Protein backbone atom coordinates (compact mmCIF):
# COMPACT_ATOMS: atom_id res chain seq x y z
CA MET A 1 -19.19 2.10 -80.13
CA LYS A 2 -19.34 5.52 -78.47
CA LEU A 3 -19.32 5.41 -74.69
CA ASP A 4 -22.00 8.09 -74.29
CA LYS A 5 -24.46 5.74 -76.00
CA LEU A 6 -23.52 2.65 -73.91
CA CYS A 7 -26.34 1.45 -71.67
CA GLY A 8 -25.45 0.82 -68.06
CA GLU A 9 -24.13 3.06 -65.28
CA ARG A 10 -20.58 2.87 -63.83
CA PHE A 11 -19.96 4.03 -60.26
CA LYS A 12 -17.29 4.06 -57.61
CA GLU A 13 -19.23 2.72 -54.58
CA TRP A 14 -18.77 -0.92 -53.61
CA PRO A 15 -22.19 -2.70 -53.65
CA SER A 16 -23.06 -3.81 -50.16
CA ASP A 17 -24.37 -7.23 -51.17
CA CYS A 18 -21.31 -8.36 -53.13
CA VAL A 19 -18.96 -10.80 -51.37
CA VAL A 20 -16.45 -11.36 -54.19
CA ASP A 21 -14.54 -8.91 -56.37
CA SER A 22 -15.85 -10.11 -59.74
CA HIS A 23 -19.46 -9.63 -58.63
CA ALA A 24 -18.85 -6.12 -57.36
CA LEU A 25 -16.80 -5.03 -60.37
CA MET A 26 -19.39 -6.32 -62.86
CA ILE A 27 -22.15 -4.45 -61.01
CA ARG A 28 -20.01 -1.25 -60.63
CA GLY A 29 -18.82 -1.43 -64.24
CA GLY A 30 -22.23 -1.68 -65.86
CA TYR A 31 -21.87 -5.29 -66.99
CA MET A 32 -25.04 -6.70 -65.51
CA LYS A 33 -28.11 -5.97 -63.37
CA PRO A 34 -29.76 -8.34 -60.91
CA MET A 35 -33.40 -9.12 -61.67
CA ALA A 36 -33.96 -11.70 -58.91
CA ASN A 37 -31.79 -13.76 -56.60
CA GLY A 38 -29.29 -15.53 -58.83
CA ILE A 39 -30.85 -14.14 -62.06
CA PHE A 40 -29.13 -11.35 -64.01
CA SER A 41 -29.61 -9.27 -67.16
CA LEU A 42 -26.45 -8.64 -69.12
CA TYR A 43 -25.43 -5.27 -70.59
CA MET A 44 -23.47 -4.99 -73.79
CA PRO A 45 -19.92 -5.21 -72.33
CA LEU A 46 -20.55 -8.57 -70.64
CA LYS A 47 -22.54 -9.87 -73.62
CA ARG A 48 -19.51 -9.17 -75.81
CA VAL A 49 -17.24 -11.01 -73.34
CA THR A 50 -19.48 -14.04 -73.21
CA ARG A 51 -19.95 -14.05 -76.97
CA LYS A 52 -16.17 -14.27 -77.43
CA ILE A 53 -15.95 -17.09 -74.89
CA GLU A 54 -18.70 -18.91 -76.75
CA GLN A 55 -16.80 -18.48 -80.03
CA ILE A 56 -13.63 -20.02 -78.49
CA ILE A 57 -15.74 -22.91 -77.24
CA ARG A 58 -17.38 -23.40 -80.59
CA GLU A 59 -14.06 -23.48 -82.41
CA GLU A 60 -12.62 -26.06 -80.03
CA MET A 61 -15.74 -28.21 -80.12
CA ASP A 62 -15.88 -28.09 -83.91
CA ALA A 63 -12.15 -29.06 -83.96
CA ILE A 64 -13.01 -32.37 -82.28
CA ASP A 65 -15.86 -33.10 -84.70
CA GLY A 66 -18.66 -31.64 -82.58
CA GLN A 67 -21.99 -30.82 -84.22
CA GLU A 68 -23.79 -27.77 -82.78
CA VAL A 69 -27.49 -28.36 -82.12
CA MET A 70 -30.11 -26.66 -79.94
CA PHE A 71 -32.36 -28.32 -77.37
CA PRO A 72 -35.47 -26.69 -75.85
CA VAL A 73 -35.27 -24.85 -72.54
CA CYS A 74 -38.76 -26.06 -71.69
CA MET A 75 -39.31 -29.84 -71.93
CA PRO A 76 -42.13 -32.29 -71.21
CA ALA A 77 -41.68 -34.19 -67.98
CA ASN A 78 -42.10 -37.53 -69.64
CA ILE A 79 -38.52 -37.75 -71.03
CA TRP A 80 -37.22 -37.08 -67.51
CA GLN A 81 -39.58 -39.75 -66.19
CA GLU A 82 -38.03 -42.16 -68.71
CA SER A 83 -34.56 -41.58 -67.27
CA GLY A 84 -35.83 -41.70 -63.69
CA ARG A 85 -34.49 -38.25 -62.81
CA TYR A 86 -37.88 -36.55 -62.64
CA ASP A 87 -38.36 -38.05 -59.18
CA SER A 88 -34.71 -38.39 -58.10
CA ILE A 89 -33.80 -34.70 -58.56
CA GLY A 90 -35.06 -32.42 -55.80
CA LYS A 91 -36.18 -28.84 -55.72
CA GLU A 92 -33.33 -27.67 -58.00
CA MET A 93 -35.44 -28.59 -61.01
CA MET A 94 -38.28 -26.20 -61.89
CA ARG A 95 -41.53 -28.13 -62.57
CA PHE A 96 -44.84 -26.75 -63.75
CA ASN A 97 -47.95 -27.66 -65.80
CA ASP A 98 -48.72 -26.09 -69.15
CA ARG A 99 -52.18 -24.73 -70.07
CA THR A 100 -53.34 -28.28 -70.94
CA GLY A 101 -52.27 -29.61 -67.57
CA SER A 102 -49.27 -31.53 -68.95
CA PRO A 103 -46.28 -31.61 -66.59
CA MET A 104 -43.25 -29.68 -67.88
CA VAL A 105 -39.76 -28.87 -66.65
CA LEU A 106 -37.14 -26.17 -67.30
CA GLY A 107 -33.88 -27.72 -68.46
CA MET A 108 -31.12 -27.71 -65.87
CA THR A 109 -29.10 -30.15 -67.98
CA HIS A 110 -29.91 -31.89 -71.24
CA GLU A 111 -28.84 -35.58 -71.21
CA GLU A 112 -32.45 -36.64 -71.74
CA ALA A 113 -32.96 -34.16 -74.57
CA ALA A 114 -29.76 -35.37 -76.26
CA VAL A 115 -30.87 -38.98 -76.20
CA HIS A 116 -34.37 -37.97 -77.43
CA LEU A 117 -32.84 -36.08 -80.38
CA VAL A 118 -30.69 -38.89 -81.76
CA ARG A 119 -32.12 -42.20 -80.58
CA ASP A 120 -34.21 -42.77 -83.74
CA TYR A 121 -31.36 -41.63 -86.02
CA ALA A 122 -28.45 -43.60 -84.47
CA ASN A 123 -29.94 -47.07 -84.96
CA THR A 124 -26.92 -48.79 -86.45
CA TYR A 125 -23.25 -49.08 -85.48
CA ALA A 126 -22.22 -47.46 -88.77
CA LYS A 127 -23.46 -44.06 -87.50
CA TYR A 128 -21.15 -44.01 -84.48
CA PRO A 129 -19.26 -42.36 -82.94
CA PHE A 130 -20.53 -38.78 -82.92
CA MET A 131 -20.78 -35.77 -80.59
CA ILE A 132 -23.51 -33.09 -80.41
CA TYR A 133 -23.28 -29.87 -78.39
CA GLN A 134 -25.27 -26.73 -77.67
CA ILE A 135 -24.76 -23.35 -76.00
CA GLN A 136 -28.07 -22.73 -74.26
CA THR A 137 -29.83 -21.11 -71.33
CA LYS A 138 -30.55 -23.38 -68.36
CA PHE A 139 -32.34 -22.97 -65.07
CA ARG A 140 -31.33 -24.62 -61.79
CA ASP A 141 -33.12 -23.40 -58.67
CA GLU A 142 -30.03 -23.21 -56.48
CA ALA A 143 -30.77 -23.03 -52.75
CA ARG A 144 -27.97 -20.51 -52.12
CA PRO A 145 -27.05 -18.41 -55.17
CA ARG A 146 -23.88 -16.39 -54.43
CA ALA A 147 -20.91 -14.50 -55.83
CA GLY A 148 -22.62 -12.96 -58.88
CA LEU A 149 -22.25 -15.21 -61.91
CA ILE A 150 -20.24 -17.88 -60.06
CA ARG A 151 -23.38 -19.54 -58.61
CA VAL A 152 -26.65 -18.53 -60.21
CA ARG A 153 -30.05 -19.97 -60.98
CA GLU A 154 -30.30 -19.05 -64.65
CA PHE A 155 -27.13 -19.45 -66.72
CA THR A 156 -25.74 -20.06 -70.15
CA MET A 157 -23.86 -23.30 -70.61
CA LYS A 158 -22.12 -25.32 -73.29
CA ASP A 159 -23.08 -28.91 -72.86
CA ALA A 160 -21.89 -31.66 -75.23
CA TYR A 161 -22.88 -35.31 -75.46
CA SER A 162 -20.92 -38.01 -77.26
CA PHE A 163 -22.15 -41.48 -78.29
CA HIS A 164 -19.96 -44.55 -78.74
CA THR A 165 -20.15 -48.28 -79.40
CA SER A 166 -17.32 -49.22 -76.97
CA GLN A 167 -15.72 -48.07 -73.76
CA GLU A 168 -12.39 -47.80 -75.48
CA ASP A 169 -13.79 -45.42 -78.07
CA LEU A 170 -15.38 -43.28 -75.32
CA GLU A 171 -12.07 -43.14 -73.43
CA GLN A 172 -10.21 -41.98 -76.55
CA TYR A 173 -12.81 -39.26 -77.20
CA TYR A 174 -12.86 -38.32 -73.51
CA ASP A 175 -9.15 -37.61 -73.75
CA ARG A 176 -9.73 -35.41 -76.86
CA CYS A 177 -12.33 -33.40 -74.91
CA TYR A 178 -10.01 -33.13 -71.91
CA LYS A 179 -7.32 -31.58 -74.11
CA ALA A 180 -9.85 -29.34 -75.87
CA TYR A 181 -10.90 -28.03 -72.47
CA GLU A 182 -7.29 -27.22 -71.64
CA ARG A 183 -7.06 -25.20 -74.87
CA ILE A 184 -10.31 -23.38 -74.14
CA TYR A 185 -9.12 -22.17 -70.73
CA ALA A 186 -5.72 -21.16 -72.09
CA ARG A 187 -7.29 -19.19 -74.90
CA ALA A 188 -9.75 -17.49 -72.55
CA GLY A 189 -6.84 -16.37 -70.36
CA LEU A 190 -6.91 -19.05 -67.63
CA PRO A 191 -3.95 -21.39 -68.30
CA ASN A 192 -3.71 -22.17 -64.58
CA VAL A 193 -6.99 -24.17 -64.48
CA VAL A 194 -6.34 -27.68 -63.12
CA ALA A 195 -8.30 -30.88 -63.74
CA VAL A 196 -9.31 -32.85 -60.67
CA ALA A 197 -11.03 -36.22 -60.23
CA SER A 198 -14.58 -35.61 -59.09
CA ASP A 199 -17.85 -37.19 -57.99
CA SER A 200 -20.40 -37.62 -60.80
CA GLY A 201 -23.34 -36.58 -58.62
CA MET A 202 -26.74 -36.44 -60.29
CA MET A 203 -25.12 -36.90 -63.74
CA GLY A 204 -24.08 -40.47 -63.03
CA GLY A 205 -21.18 -42.36 -64.61
CA SER A 206 -18.02 -43.89 -63.28
CA VAL A 207 -15.28 -41.46 -64.36
CA SER A 208 -15.49 -37.68 -64.17
CA HIS A 209 -13.21 -34.67 -63.91
CA GLU A 210 -13.78 -31.08 -62.88
CA PHE A 211 -11.72 -28.25 -64.18
CA MET A 212 -10.97 -25.96 -61.24
CA LEU A 213 -9.56 -22.43 -61.03
CA LEU A 214 -7.54 -22.32 -57.84
CA THR A 215 -8.61 -19.26 -55.90
CA PRO A 216 -9.28 -18.43 -52.24
CA ILE A 217 -12.90 -17.39 -52.97
CA GLY A 218 -13.73 -20.78 -54.53
CA GLU A 219 -16.59 -22.75 -52.99
CA ASP A 220 -15.08 -26.17 -53.67
CA SER A 221 -12.25 -27.83 -51.71
CA ILE A 222 -9.56 -29.58 -53.72
CA ALA A 223 -6.99 -32.13 -52.48
CA ILE A 224 -3.69 -31.65 -54.24
CA CYS A 225 -0.46 -33.64 -53.80
CA SER A 226 2.73 -31.58 -53.78
CA GLU A 227 4.87 -34.60 -54.87
CA CYS A 228 2.88 -36.08 -57.75
CA ASP A 229 0.07 -35.11 -60.13
CA TYR A 230 -2.77 -36.34 -57.90
CA ARG A 231 -5.71 -33.83 -57.74
CA ALA A 232 -9.24 -34.56 -56.68
CA ASN A 233 -12.30 -32.73 -55.44
CA MET A 234 -12.73 -33.18 -51.71
CA GLU A 235 -16.02 -35.03 -52.40
CA ALA A 236 -14.19 -37.69 -54.40
CA ALA A 237 -10.75 -37.82 -52.74
CA GLU A 238 -9.93 -41.10 -51.06
CA SER A 239 -9.08 -40.70 -47.35
CA ILE A 240 -6.20 -43.00 -46.29
CA ILE A 241 -5.43 -43.24 -42.61
CA LYS A 242 -2.64 -45.31 -41.06
CA ASN A 243 -3.10 -45.55 -37.31
CA GLU A 244 -0.02 -45.82 -35.10
CA GLY A 245 0.47 -45.70 -31.36
CA ASN A 246 -2.90 -46.94 -30.18
CA THR A 247 -1.88 -50.59 -29.87
CA GLU A 248 -2.53 -51.38 -26.19
CA THR A 249 -5.74 -53.38 -25.52
CA LYS A 250 -7.67 -52.25 -22.41
CA ALA A 251 -10.73 -53.52 -20.63
CA LEU A 252 -14.10 -52.08 -21.69
CA GLU A 253 -15.46 -49.78 -19.01
CA LEU A 254 -18.62 -47.63 -18.80
CA VAL A 255 -17.81 -44.30 -17.23
CA ASN A 256 -20.07 -41.48 -15.98
CA THR A 257 -19.11 -38.44 -18.07
CA PRO A 258 -21.45 -35.50 -17.25
CA ASN A 259 -21.63 -32.64 -19.68
CA THR A 260 -19.32 -34.25 -22.27
CA SER A 261 -21.41 -34.36 -25.44
CA THR A 262 -18.69 -33.13 -27.79
CA ILE A 263 -15.29 -34.57 -28.79
CA GLU A 264 -13.57 -31.54 -27.22
CA ASP A 265 -15.34 -32.11 -23.89
CA LEU A 266 -14.51 -35.80 -24.01
CA CYS A 267 -10.80 -35.24 -24.68
CA ALA A 268 -10.65 -32.75 -21.85
CA PHE A 269 -12.40 -35.19 -19.47
CA PHE A 270 -10.18 -38.17 -20.28
CA SER A 271 -7.00 -36.25 -21.20
CA CYS A 272 -6.91 -38.03 -24.53
CA LYS A 273 -6.52 -37.07 -28.18
CA PRO A 274 -9.38 -36.85 -30.71
CA GLN A 275 -7.60 -39.62 -32.65
CA ASP A 276 -8.32 -41.97 -29.75
CA THR A 277 -12.10 -41.42 -29.86
CA CYS A 278 -14.83 -43.01 -31.92
CA LYS A 279 -17.25 -40.28 -33.06
CA ALA A 280 -20.84 -40.91 -34.10
CA VAL A 281 -22.13 -38.81 -36.98
CA ILE A 282 -25.90 -39.24 -37.39
CA TYR A 283 -28.06 -38.81 -40.50
CA GLN A 284 -31.54 -39.70 -41.68
CA ARG A 285 -32.68 -40.88 -45.12
CA ASN A 286 -34.74 -38.25 -46.89
CA HIS A 287 -37.40 -40.65 -48.12
CA ASP A 288 -38.34 -42.33 -44.78
CA ASP A 289 -36.35 -40.54 -42.05
CA SER A 290 -34.70 -43.81 -40.98
CA PHE A 291 -31.48 -43.32 -38.99
CA ILE A 292 -27.92 -43.86 -40.16
CA VAL A 293 -25.02 -43.77 -37.71
CA LEU A 294 -21.46 -43.44 -39.04
CA PHE A 295 -18.65 -44.19 -36.64
CA ILE A 296 -15.47 -42.35 -37.55
CA ARG A 297 -12.25 -41.31 -35.87
CA GLY A 298 -12.93 -38.29 -33.69
CA ASP A 299 -10.62 -35.87 -35.48
CA LEU A 300 -12.13 -36.47 -38.92
CA GLU A 301 -15.20 -35.11 -40.79
CA ALA A 302 -17.74 -37.22 -42.59
CA ASN A 303 -17.98 -36.85 -46.36
CA GLU A 304 -21.67 -36.76 -47.13
CA THR A 305 -21.13 -37.35 -50.84
CA LYS A 306 -19.38 -40.65 -50.13
CA LEU A 307 -22.17 -41.62 -47.76
CA THR A 308 -24.88 -40.74 -50.27
CA ASN A 309 -23.19 -42.73 -53.01
CA PHE A 310 -22.71 -45.74 -50.72
CA LEU A 311 -26.34 -45.70 -49.51
CA GLY A 312 -27.85 -44.90 -52.89
CA CYS A 313 -30.20 -42.29 -51.49
CA ASN A 314 -30.25 -38.69 -50.29
CA ILE A 315 -29.68 -37.98 -46.59
CA HIS A 316 -29.82 -35.11 -44.14
CA PRO A 317 -28.35 -34.41 -40.68
CA ALA A 318 -30.51 -36.15 -38.09
CA VAL A 319 -33.12 -34.38 -36.09
CA ILE A 320 -32.91 -36.19 -32.73
CA THR A 321 -35.84 -36.18 -30.27
CA ALA A 322 -36.65 -38.16 -27.15
CA GLU A 323 -38.33 -40.80 -29.32
CA SER A 324 -35.31 -41.27 -31.55
CA PRO A 325 -33.42 -44.56 -31.45
CA VAL A 326 -30.12 -42.77 -30.75
CA CYS A 327 -28.84 -40.76 -27.82
CA ALA A 328 -27.67 -37.30 -28.90
CA GLY A 329 -24.04 -36.67 -27.86
CA PHE A 330 -23.59 -40.14 -26.38
CA THR A 331 -24.19 -42.55 -29.28
CA GLY A 332 -21.85 -45.53 -29.49
CA PRO A 333 -21.72 -48.97 -31.22
CA ILE A 334 -22.44 -51.12 -28.14
CA GLY A 335 -26.15 -51.68 -27.51
CA LEU A 336 -27.27 -49.52 -30.43
CA ASP A 337 -30.85 -49.92 -31.58
CA LYS A 338 -31.11 -52.69 -34.22
CA ASN A 339 -33.26 -50.55 -36.56
CA VAL A 340 -30.44 -48.12 -37.12
CA THR A 341 -28.15 -48.51 -40.16
CA VAL A 342 -24.58 -48.64 -38.78
CA LEU A 343 -21.47 -47.81 -40.82
CA TYR A 344 -17.79 -47.80 -39.91
CA ASP A 345 -15.11 -45.64 -41.46
CA THR A 346 -11.68 -47.07 -42.38
CA SER A 347 -10.04 -44.56 -40.05
CA LEU A 348 -10.99 -46.85 -37.11
CA ILE A 349 -8.93 -49.82 -38.46
CA GLY A 350 -6.06 -50.71 -36.17
CA LEU A 351 -7.17 -48.73 -33.10
CA GLU A 352 -7.15 -51.09 -30.12
CA SER A 353 -8.63 -48.87 -27.41
CA LEU A 354 -11.18 -46.14 -28.06
CA VAL A 355 -13.44 -43.81 -26.14
CA CYS A 356 -17.00 -43.92 -27.52
CA GLY A 357 -20.58 -43.09 -26.53
CA GLY A 358 -22.41 -45.32 -24.02
CA ASN A 359 -25.86 -44.95 -25.61
CA LYS A 360 -26.96 -43.43 -22.34
CA VAL A 361 -26.99 -39.74 -21.38
CA ASP A 362 -23.75 -38.69 -19.59
CA TYR A 363 -22.05 -42.03 -20.14
CA HIS A 364 -19.11 -43.12 -22.35
CA TYR A 365 -17.17 -46.32 -22.81
CA THR A 366 -13.41 -46.42 -22.56
CA GLY A 367 -11.28 -49.29 -23.92
CA LEU A 368 -13.53 -50.03 -26.87
CA ASN A 369 -12.03 -52.65 -29.13
CA ILE A 370 -14.34 -52.96 -32.15
CA ALA A 371 -13.28 -56.52 -33.12
CA ARG A 372 -13.66 -57.75 -29.51
CA ASP A 373 -16.69 -55.74 -28.32
CA VAL A 374 -18.74 -55.33 -31.47
CA GLY A 375 -17.63 -58.20 -33.64
CA GLU A 376 -16.73 -58.37 -37.32
CA VAL A 377 -17.75 -55.21 -39.15
CA GLU A 378 -17.18 -53.84 -42.65
CA TYR A 379 -15.08 -50.70 -43.05
CA HIS A 380 -15.54 -48.24 -45.87
CA ASP A 381 -14.08 -44.84 -46.76
CA PHE A 382 -16.53 -42.18 -45.58
CA ALA A 383 -14.09 -39.46 -44.37
CA LYS A 384 -12.96 -36.20 -45.88
CA ILE A 385 -9.26 -36.16 -46.81
CA ILE A 386 -7.22 -33.94 -44.53
CA GLU A 387 -4.40 -31.45 -44.90
CA GLY A 388 -1.12 -33.35 -44.61
CA GLY A 389 -2.93 -36.62 -45.36
CA ILE A 390 -1.67 -39.55 -47.37
CA CYS A 391 -1.74 -39.15 -51.16
CA PRO A 392 -3.77 -42.01 -52.72
CA LYS A 393 -1.38 -42.08 -55.68
CA CYS A 394 2.15 -41.74 -54.30
CA GLY A 395 1.50 -42.72 -50.69
CA LYS A 396 3.27 -39.72 -49.14
CA HIS A 397 1.96 -37.36 -46.48
CA THR A 398 1.84 -34.52 -49.01
CA ILE A 399 -1.83 -33.61 -49.43
CA THR A 400 -2.76 -29.93 -49.31
CA VAL A 401 -6.33 -28.64 -49.47
CA SER A 402 -7.04 -25.59 -51.59
CA ARG A 403 -10.13 -23.72 -52.65
CA GLY A 404 -11.35 -23.52 -56.27
CA ILE A 405 -14.10 -22.51 -58.65
CA GLU A 406 -15.42 -25.21 -60.95
CA VAL A 407 -15.23 -23.82 -64.47
CA GLY A 408 -16.11 -27.04 -66.35
CA ASN A 409 -16.73 -30.71 -66.01
CA ILE A 410 -16.56 -33.88 -68.06
CA PHE A 411 -18.20 -37.28 -67.39
CA GLN A 412 -18.05 -40.82 -68.72
CA LEU A 413 -21.74 -41.58 -68.37
CA GLY A 414 -21.76 -45.13 -69.70
CA THR A 415 -25.23 -46.44 -70.57
CA LYS A 416 -27.09 -44.74 -67.70
CA TYR A 417 -29.30 -42.68 -70.04
CA SER A 418 -29.31 -44.73 -73.23
CA LYS A 419 -30.44 -47.82 -71.34
CA SER A 420 -33.13 -46.13 -69.22
CA MET A 421 -34.47 -44.29 -72.30
CA ASN A 422 -34.31 -47.37 -74.54
CA MET A 423 -31.83 -46.01 -77.04
CA THR A 424 -30.47 -48.93 -79.05
CA TYR A 425 -28.45 -49.68 -82.19
CA ILE A 426 -27.74 -52.87 -84.16
CA ASP A 427 -24.08 -53.84 -83.82
CA SER A 428 -21.92 -55.54 -86.50
CA GLU A 429 -23.18 -58.95 -85.41
CA GLY A 430 -26.87 -57.94 -85.65
CA LYS A 431 -27.44 -57.61 -81.89
CA LEU A 432 -29.18 -54.74 -80.11
CA GLN A 433 -26.88 -52.62 -77.92
CA ASN A 434 -27.12 -49.48 -75.82
CA PRO A 435 -24.64 -46.77 -76.85
CA ILE A 436 -22.11 -45.52 -74.33
CA MET A 437 -22.24 -41.81 -73.58
CA GLY A 438 -19.96 -39.02 -72.48
CA CYS A 439 -20.99 -35.56 -71.22
CA TYR A 440 -18.95 -32.32 -71.27
CA GLY A 441 -20.03 -28.99 -69.76
CA ILE A 442 -18.75 -25.41 -69.40
CA GLY A 443 -20.60 -22.53 -67.77
CA VAL A 444 -20.07 -19.43 -69.93
CA GLY A 445 -20.97 -16.78 -67.41
CA ARG A 446 -19.09 -18.51 -64.61
CA LEU A 447 -15.98 -18.65 -66.84
CA ALA A 448 -16.28 -14.88 -67.52
CA ALA A 449 -16.59 -14.18 -63.81
CA SER A 450 -13.65 -16.45 -63.07
CA VAL A 451 -11.46 -14.57 -65.54
CA CYS A 452 -12.54 -11.27 -63.85
CA GLU A 453 -11.78 -12.79 -60.46
CA THR A 454 -8.25 -13.68 -61.67
CA TYR A 455 -7.43 -10.48 -63.55
CA HIS A 456 -8.44 -7.29 -61.76
CA ASP A 457 -7.08 -4.56 -59.52
CA GLU A 458 -8.85 -2.19 -57.16
CA TYR A 459 -10.05 -0.07 -60.05
CA GLY A 460 -11.66 -2.74 -62.27
CA PRO A 461 -11.24 -5.83 -64.46
CA ILE A 462 -8.20 -6.36 -66.67
CA TRP A 463 -9.58 -8.39 -69.52
CA PRO A 464 -7.33 -10.63 -71.62
CA MET A 465 -7.33 -9.56 -75.24
CA ALA A 466 -9.09 -12.76 -76.41
CA ILE A 467 -12.30 -12.09 -74.54
CA ALA A 468 -12.14 -8.32 -73.79
CA PRO A 469 -15.37 -6.45 -74.66
CA TRP A 470 -13.29 -4.24 -76.97
CA GLN A 471 -9.65 -4.24 -78.02
CA VAL A 472 -9.04 -0.48 -77.72
CA HIS A 473 -10.45 2.24 -75.43
CA LEU A 474 -10.01 5.61 -77.15
CA CYS A 475 -10.12 8.55 -74.73
CA ALA A 476 -10.49 12.08 -76.16
CA VAL A 477 -9.49 14.23 -73.16
CA ARG A 478 -11.10 17.63 -73.51
CA ALA A 479 -13.12 16.65 -76.55
CA ASN A 480 -14.47 20.20 -76.75
CA ASP A 481 -11.07 21.16 -78.15
CA PRO A 482 -11.59 21.12 -81.98
CA GLU A 483 -8.09 19.72 -82.66
CA VAL A 484 -8.54 16.89 -80.16
CA LYS A 485 -12.04 16.05 -81.46
CA ALA A 486 -10.97 16.11 -85.08
CA PHE A 487 -7.92 13.82 -84.55
CA ALA A 488 -9.76 11.38 -82.19
CA ASP A 489 -12.76 11.19 -84.60
CA GLY A 490 -10.44 10.42 -87.49
CA LEU A 491 -8.52 7.80 -85.52
CA TYR A 492 -11.80 6.18 -84.44
CA GLU A 493 -13.00 5.91 -88.05
CA LYS A 494 -9.64 4.59 -89.25
CA LEU A 495 -9.37 1.89 -86.58
CA GLN A 496 -12.93 0.76 -87.24
CA ALA A 497 -12.22 0.56 -90.98
CA GLN A 498 -9.27 -1.72 -90.21
CA GLY A 499 -11.46 -4.05 -88.13
CA VAL A 500 -10.25 -2.97 -84.70
CA GLU A 501 -12.87 -3.12 -81.93
CA VAL A 502 -13.02 0.35 -80.34
CA ILE A 503 -14.95 1.92 -77.50
CA TYR A 504 -14.72 5.69 -78.00
CA ASP A 505 -15.11 8.17 -75.13
CA ASP A 506 -15.64 11.70 -76.44
CA ARG A 507 -17.74 12.98 -73.53
CA SER A 508 -17.12 16.39 -72.00
CA VAL A 509 -16.03 15.04 -68.62
CA SER A 510 -12.87 15.33 -66.55
CA ALA A 511 -9.85 13.13 -67.36
CA GLY A 512 -10.18 11.45 -63.93
CA PHE A 513 -13.83 10.56 -64.51
CA MET A 514 -13.02 9.30 -68.05
CA PHE A 515 -10.10 7.13 -66.85
CA SER A 516 -12.17 5.72 -63.94
CA ASP A 517 -14.80 4.49 -66.43
CA ALA A 518 -12.04 3.08 -68.65
CA ASP A 519 -10.61 1.13 -65.68
CA LEU A 520 -14.02 -0.38 -64.98
CA LEU A 521 -14.44 -1.46 -68.61
CA GLY A 522 -11.00 -3.10 -68.47
CA VAL A 523 -10.19 -2.83 -72.19
CA PRO A 524 -6.59 -4.03 -72.75
CA VAL A 525 -5.29 -1.12 -74.91
CA ARG A 526 -5.94 2.53 -74.05
CA VAL A 527 -5.29 5.38 -76.45
CA ILE A 528 -5.28 8.96 -74.98
CA VAL A 529 -5.64 11.96 -77.23
CA SER A 530 -5.26 15.28 -75.36
CA PRO A 531 -4.33 18.92 -76.08
CA ARG A 532 -0.93 18.42 -74.36
CA ASN A 533 -0.11 15.26 -76.34
CA LEU A 534 -1.09 16.80 -79.67
CA LYS A 535 0.97 19.87 -78.90
CA GLU A 536 3.93 17.51 -78.60
CA GLY A 537 2.89 15.66 -81.76
CA VAL A 538 2.20 12.39 -79.98
CA VAL A 539 -0.58 10.15 -78.74
CA GLU A 540 -0.29 8.29 -75.44
CA LEU A 541 -0.56 4.45 -75.81
CA THR A 542 -0.90 2.35 -72.63
CA THR A 543 -2.21 -1.00 -71.45
CA ARG A 544 -4.88 -1.53 -68.82
CA ASP A 545 -2.50 -3.65 -66.71
CA LYS A 546 0.04 -0.77 -66.69
CA SER A 547 2.79 -2.97 -68.10
CA TYR A 548 3.27 -0.71 -71.13
CA SER A 549 3.10 3.06 -71.67
CA GLU A 550 4.58 5.00 -74.61
CA LYS A 551 4.07 8.25 -76.41
CA VAL A 552 3.81 7.50 -80.12
CA PRO A 553 4.08 9.99 -82.98
CA MET A 554 0.69 10.92 -84.34
CA ASP A 555 1.48 9.62 -87.81
CA ASN A 556 2.48 6.20 -86.46
CA ILE A 557 -0.27 5.61 -83.93
CA THR A 558 -2.42 3.26 -86.04
CA GLU A 559 0.46 0.88 -86.72
CA ALA A 560 1.51 1.06 -83.07
CA ILE A 561 -1.97 0.17 -81.90
CA GLU A 562 -2.19 -2.82 -84.27
CA ALA A 563 1.27 -4.03 -83.22
CA LEU A 564 0.26 -3.84 -79.53
CA ILE A 565 -3.02 -5.69 -80.11
CA LYS A 566 -1.08 -8.44 -81.91
CA LYS A 567 1.46 -8.62 -79.05
CA LEU A 568 -1.29 -8.90 -76.41
CA SER A 569 -3.14 -11.55 -78.46
């Protein structure tokens, strides 16, 4: 490919609307162009990167007996109604009617389509197990697209679905997929991706893992133990609190506390610690706006995912008015309206004397003892795990919280979809059973952006050889020099004939301009042909990451290039 024919402009200025490096570099480098919020067109360089990622994924999925299929992007609503997700998924799913008035959806995931494809075929135990996968465009109407390809609305994804006749068989295959994912990330240039236990969310299932790239710009929080191999997404991490010190029982007393509607105000008023307060976090159910009050230790945050999973419905932060059954800033467990759903976090266990709201403006109770003053209550884990918290696996105070980008996920779905969509098979005893499913996803564009986020400098991306848009960037400095042009043209033809992927820059531009474009394209090997080099009988051979630079005799340059490509591969 000759650079002067390559579509897409490259420029030095940092785009004003880009908040992460990968987004800015892909816009500056002519990799993609935004069409709408969270929707991008891809130029050739990025298309070549994603095609190589897709090939790595295909090879690893085929190696674990995957069968590539293709599902429609546009699907009738009725298969989503079968599973129950047509109504349970919110505005993220794009719904519309076709010209006949039939309700349709754009696929944001394809569990329903996978079941629809194979449920007539897989009607006997002899046809199990099997896995089908696709690499396909999806649309999810994200509320807050951000960071270029890291969170978008339209995206390309590999999603795979396995079908089994036993939980044991699913677990064995799940482990094979887990290891295949590790190989995919290593081959794509991200060996430092870690797997963390996660919440299954809208996908359902009992066991799930996310593969996270640890990076400060990540939008997910990950709890990691420094002493053992425990890792979990903040949404799924168990919060373990052991209360010590608050062991003295005191009399319950209602105290006038003007202008103390926050935990900070309360601690200042009573000269106490947040750990000695009982905080009320208030939500409403989405479907009927009924109120939920969670009581939790004052220094902790509520984990909305845990709450949603426990309640079995979607919730939102409460909008409190004068007619509401709660008192904003002063809500407590004593005398609370009976129509309110009340929950207690495990962080309150063992605390003998607490400060809490008095359910009356400008009043709080001191000396709250939940067992004495409220009665027997159930405690559940609703809190976010904290930095320095107790590891659920080894029991030490060794939890650290890091940021990460989710670059893949796997789920043990169970029979959630096969049962709701009436997919059955006849087992060896002649009985009807629902197959057990697994689901395995990787976002292709997000993975490309994550590699760029990991490997770049101030001048541009530094692509790993395995997914680089080209292997070699050939620069003919002063291509108007006949000797330079003739040698560079010949080298270009020779490398192409030997199967080397080359982007060739023979434009009549300055060396600085040429090298700036080369930096933005991030090709691993750079070959510089110039009048000065040819006068010395050499060609300059360097790498984009600046780890290697050598002047190679003109007659040996082809062999040197091939050797360097092999080394970097």
